[in-house]
Amino acid sequence: MTRVNELIALLNAYVESDPRLEIWRNYPDINDEDDVYTDSWACEQVSAEFAAFARSNGWDAVVLRGENPEAPMAFDHVWVRLTRD
């Protein structure tokens, strides 16, 4: 299995591990109620949970945070850097 396929499998397994994550598969095409929900369960918490999930599946996962971007779509953003081997 290629690294890309391994990553796709990891992401799919993570989304399948918690029904609430389905919202992120559909984002940004979500309704107003779901949009409000993502404000309370957004990238920082989901990234931390995903990093823990990835680590439990053999990946090295680091949560990264960016603040005050030059061309902001938000004030900050959090994501996960994955490496393996």
N, C-alpha and C. Protein backbone atom coordinates (compact mmCIF):
# COMPACT_ATOMS: atom_id res chain seq x y z
N MET A 1 0.85 -1.17 0.00
CA MET A 1 0.00 0.00 0.00
C MET A 1 0.91 1.24 0.00
N THR A 2 0.61 2.19 -0.87
CA THR A 2 1.40 3.42 -0.92
C THR A 2 1.08 4.31 0.28
N ARG A 3 1.96 5.26 0.54
CA ARG A 3 1.73 6.19 1.66
C ARG A 3 0.42 6.95 1.49
N VAL A 4 0.12 7.35 0.27
CA VAL A 4 -1.13 8.08 0.03
C VAL A 4 -2.31 7.19 0.41
N ASN A 5 -2.28 5.95 0.00
CA ASN A 5 -3.37 5.04 0.33
C ASN A 5 -3.44 4.78 1.83
N GLU A 6 -2.27 4.70 2.49
CA GLU A 6 -2.25 4.53 3.94
C GLU A 6 -2.88 5.74 4.63
N LEU A 7 -2.58 6.92 4.13
CA LEU A 7 -3.14 8.14 4.70
C LEU A 7 -4.66 8.20 4.49
N ILE A 8 -5.10 7.86 3.30
CA ILE A 8 -6.54 7.82 3.01
C ILE A 8 -7.23 6.83 3.93
N ALA A 9 -6.63 5.66 4.12
CA ALA A 9 -7.21 4.65 5.01
C ALA A 9 -7.27 5.16 6.45
N LEU A 10 -6.22 5.86 6.89
CA LEU A 10 -6.20 6.43 8.24
C LEU A 10 -7.32 7.45 8.40
N LEU A 11 -7.44 8.36 7.46
CA LEU A 11 -8.49 9.39 7.53
C LEU A 11 -9.88 8.77 7.52
N ASN A 12 -10.10 7.80 6.65
CA ASN A 12 -11.41 7.15 6.60
C ASN A 12 -11.71 6.41 7.90
N ALA A 13 -10.70 5.74 8.46
CA ALA A 13 -10.91 5.03 9.74
C ALA A 13 -11.23 6.02 10.85
N TYR A 14 -10.58 7.17 10.84
CA TYR A 14 -10.85 8.18 11.86
C TYR A 14 -12.28 8.70 11.74
N VAL A 15 -12.70 9.05 10.54
CA VAL A 15 -14.06 9.56 10.35
C VAL A 15 -15.08 8.50 10.75
N GLU A 16 -14.80 7.25 10.44
CA GLU A 16 -15.73 6.18 10.79
C GLU A 16 -15.75 5.89 12.30
N SER A 17 -14.72 6.36 13.03
CA SER A 17 -14.63 6.08 14.46
C SER A 17 -15.58 6.93 15.30
N ASP A 18 -16.10 8.00 14.72
CA ASP A 18 -16.97 8.91 15.48
C ASP A 18 -17.97 9.54 14.51
N PRO A 19 -19.25 9.22 14.63
CA PRO A 19 -20.25 9.74 13.70
C PRO A 19 -20.27 11.26 13.58
N ARG A 20 -19.84 11.96 14.63
CA ARG A 20 -19.82 13.43 14.57
C ARG A 20 -18.88 13.95 13.48
N LEU A 21 -17.90 13.14 13.10
CA LEU A 21 -16.91 13.59 12.13
C LEU A 21 -17.46 13.67 10.71
N GLU A 22 -18.58 13.07 10.47
CA GLU A 22 -19.19 13.13 9.13
C GLU A 22 -19.40 14.58 8.69
N ILE A 23 -19.62 15.45 9.66
CA ILE A 23 -19.83 16.87 9.35
C ILE A 23 -18.65 17.45 8.57
N TRP A 24 -17.44 16.98 8.91
CA TRP A 24 -16.24 17.52 8.25
C TRP A 24 -16.07 16.98 6.85
N ARG A 25 -16.66 15.83 6.54
CA ARG A 25 -16.63 15.32 5.16
C ARG A 25 -17.45 16.21 4.24
N ASN A 26 -18.49 16.80 4.79
CA ASN A 26 -19.40 17.62 4.00
C ASN A 26 -19.05 19.11 4.00
N TYR A 27 -18.18 19.52 4.88
CA TYR A 27 -17.84 20.94 5.03
C TYR A 27 -17.21 21.47 3.75
N PRO A 28 -17.57 22.62 3.25
CA PRO A 28 -18.39 23.66 3.84
C PRO A 28 -19.87 23.58 3.47
N ASP A 29 -20.27 22.51 2.80
CA ASP A 29 -21.66 22.37 2.38
C ASP A 29 -22.50 21.77 3.51
N ILE A 30 -22.69 22.59 4.57
CA ILE A 30 -23.45 22.15 5.73
C ILE A 30 -24.51 23.20 6.05
N ASN A 31 -25.49 22.79 6.84
CA ASN A 31 -26.57 23.72 7.17
C ASN A 31 -26.13 24.66 8.32
N ASP A 32 -26.95 25.64 8.61
CA ASP A 32 -26.60 26.64 9.63
C ASP A 32 -26.40 26.02 11.01
N GLU A 33 -27.23 25.06 11.36
CA GLU A 33 -27.11 24.41 12.66
C GLU A 33 -25.76 23.68 12.78
N ASP A 34 -25.38 22.97 11.73
CA ASP A 34 -24.10 22.28 11.74
C ASP A 34 -22.94 23.27 11.76
N ASP A 35 -23.10 24.40 11.09
CA ASP A 35 -22.05 25.41 11.08
C ASP A 35 -21.81 25.95 12.49
N VAL A 36 -22.88 26.18 13.24
CA VAL A 36 -22.74 26.63 14.62
C VAL A 36 -22.04 25.54 15.44
N TYR A 37 -22.39 24.29 15.19
CA TYR A 37 -21.76 23.17 15.91
C TYR A 37 -20.26 23.13 15.66
N THR A 38 -19.84 23.38 14.43
CA THR A 38 -18.40 23.34 14.14
C THR A 38 -17.65 24.45 14.85
N ASP A 39 -18.34 25.51 15.25
CA ASP A 39 -17.68 26.56 16.02
C ASP A 39 -17.30 26.07 17.42
N SER A 40 -18.06 25.13 17.95
CA SER A 40 -17.76 24.63 19.29
C SER A 40 -16.91 23.37 19.26
N TRP A 41 -16.80 22.73 18.11
CA TRP A 41 -16.00 21.51 17.96
C TRP A 41 -15.23 21.65 16.67
N ALA A 42 -14.25 22.55 16.71
CA ALA A 42 -13.57 22.94 15.49
C ALA A 42 -12.18 22.35 15.40
N CYS A 43 -11.35 22.98 14.59
CA CYS A 43 -10.08 22.39 14.18
C CYS A 43 -9.14 22.06 15.33
N GLU A 44 -9.13 22.84 16.39
CA GLU A 44 -8.17 22.56 17.48
C GLU A 44 -8.49 21.24 18.18
N GLN A 45 -9.74 21.06 18.57
CA GLN A 45 -10.12 19.83 19.26
C GLN A 45 -10.06 18.63 18.31
N VAL A 46 -10.58 18.79 17.10
CA VAL A 46 -10.58 17.68 16.15
C VAL A 46 -9.15 17.30 15.77
N SER A 47 -8.29 18.29 15.60
CA SER A 47 -6.89 18.00 15.27
C SER A 47 -6.20 17.22 16.38
N ALA A 48 -6.43 17.62 17.62
CA ALA A 48 -5.83 16.91 18.75
C ALA A 48 -6.34 15.47 18.82
N GLU A 49 -7.63 15.29 18.60
CA GLU A 49 -8.21 13.95 18.62
C GLU A 49 -7.68 13.11 17.46
N PHE A 50 -7.55 13.72 16.29
CA PHE A 50 -7.02 13.00 15.14
C PHE A 50 -5.56 12.61 15.36
N ALA A 51 -4.77 13.53 15.93
CA ALA A 51 -3.36 13.22 16.20
C ALA A 51 -3.25 12.02 17.14
N ALA A 52 -4.06 11.98 18.18
CA ALA A 52 -4.05 10.85 19.10
C ALA A 52 -4.45 9.56 18.38
N PHE A 53 -5.45 9.64 17.54
CA PHE A 53 -5.89 8.48 16.76
C PHE A 53 -4.77 8.01 15.84
N ALA A 54 -4.12 8.94 15.16
CA ALA A 54 -3.02 8.60 14.25
C ALA A 54 -1.87 7.93 15.02
N ARG A 55 -1.53 8.48 16.17
CA ARG A 55 -0.45 7.88 16.98
C ARG A 55 -0.81 6.46 17.39
N SER A 56 -2.07 6.23 17.72
CA SER A 56 -2.49 4.89 18.13
C SER A 56 -2.47 3.91 16.97
N ASN A 57 -2.34 4.46 15.76
CA ASN A 57 -2.28 3.63 14.56
C ASN A 57 -0.89 3.64 13.92
N GLY A 58 0.12 4.00 14.71
CA GLY A 58 1.50 3.88 14.25
C GLY A 58 2.10 5.07 13.53
N TRP A 59 1.40 6.19 13.49
CA TRP A 59 1.92 7.39 12.84
C TRP A 59 2.55 8.30 13.87
N ASP A 60 3.54 9.08 13.45
CA ASP A 60 4.03 10.19 14.25
C ASP A 60 3.16 11.38 13.88
N ALA A 61 2.52 11.98 14.86
CA ALA A 61 1.56 13.06 14.60
C ALA A 61 1.87 14.24 15.51
N VAL A 62 1.98 15.42 14.90
CA VAL A 62 2.26 16.64 15.63
C VAL A 62 1.16 17.64 15.30
N VAL A 63 0.56 18.23 16.32
CA VAL A 63 -0.45 19.25 16.12
C VAL A 63 0.25 20.59 15.94
N LEU A 64 -0.09 21.29 14.87
CA LEU A 64 0.50 22.59 14.55
C LEU A 64 -0.59 23.66 14.61
N ARG A 65 -0.19 24.85 15.01
CA ARG A 65 -1.15 25.96 15.11
C ARG A 65 -0.56 27.18 14.42
N GLY A 66 -1.36 27.79 13.56
CA GLY A 66 -0.98 29.03 12.91
C GLY A 66 -1.91 30.14 13.35
N GLU A 67 -1.34 31.31 13.61
CA GLU A 67 -2.15 32.44 14.06
C GLU A 67 -1.85 33.67 13.23
N ASN A 68 -2.84 34.55 13.12
CA ASN A 68 -2.71 35.85 12.45
C ASN A 68 -2.13 35.74 11.03
N PRO A 69 -2.78 34.99 10.16
CA PRO A 69 -2.27 34.84 8.79
C PRO A 69 -2.39 36.15 8.01
N GLU A 70 -1.58 36.26 6.95
CA GLU A 70 -1.60 37.46 6.12
C GLU A 70 -2.91 37.61 5.36
N ALA A 71 -3.47 36.50 4.90
CA ALA A 71 -4.74 36.54 4.17
C ALA A 71 -5.73 35.64 4.92
N PRO A 72 -6.27 36.13 6.02
CA PRO A 72 -7.04 35.25 6.91
C PRO A 72 -8.42 34.87 6.38
N MET A 73 -8.74 33.58 6.57
CA MET A 73 -10.11 33.11 6.45
C MET A 73 -10.63 32.86 7.86
N ALA A 74 -9.69 32.86 8.81
CA ALA A 74 -9.97 32.73 10.24
C ALA A 74 -8.79 33.35 10.97
N PHE A 75 -8.96 33.59 12.25
CA PHE A 75 -7.86 34.19 13.02
C PHE A 75 -6.73 33.20 13.25
N ASP A 76 -7.08 31.94 13.32
CA ASP A 76 -6.06 30.91 13.49
C ASP A 76 -6.56 29.61 12.88
N HIS A 77 -5.65 28.67 12.77
CA HIS A 77 -6.00 27.37 12.23
C HIS A 77 -5.07 26.34 12.86
N VAL A 78 -5.58 25.15 13.04
CA VAL A 78 -4.81 24.07 13.62
C VAL A 78 -4.90 22.88 12.68
N TRP A 79 -3.79 22.20 12.49
CA TRP A 79 -3.77 21.03 11.63
C TRP A 79 -2.78 20.04 12.20
N VAL A 80 -2.67 18.86 11.54
CA VAL A 80 -1.81 17.79 12.02
C VAL A 80 -0.80 17.45 10.94
N ARG A 81 0.47 17.40 11.34
CA ARG A 81 1.52 16.93 10.43
C ARG A 81 1.78 15.47 10.76
N LEU A 82 1.69 14.62 9.73
CA LEU A 82 1.87 13.19 9.90
C LEU A 82 3.15 12.73 9.23
N THR A 83 3.89 11.88 9.90
CA THR A 83 5.03 11.21 9.31
C THR A 83 5.00 9.76 9.76
N ARG A 84 5.71 8.95 9.02
CA ARG A 84 5.77 7.54 9.37
C ARG A 84 7.08 6.98 8.86
N ASP A 85 7.75 6.23 9.71
CA ASP A 85 9.05 5.63 9.36
C ASP A 85 10.08 6.70 9.14
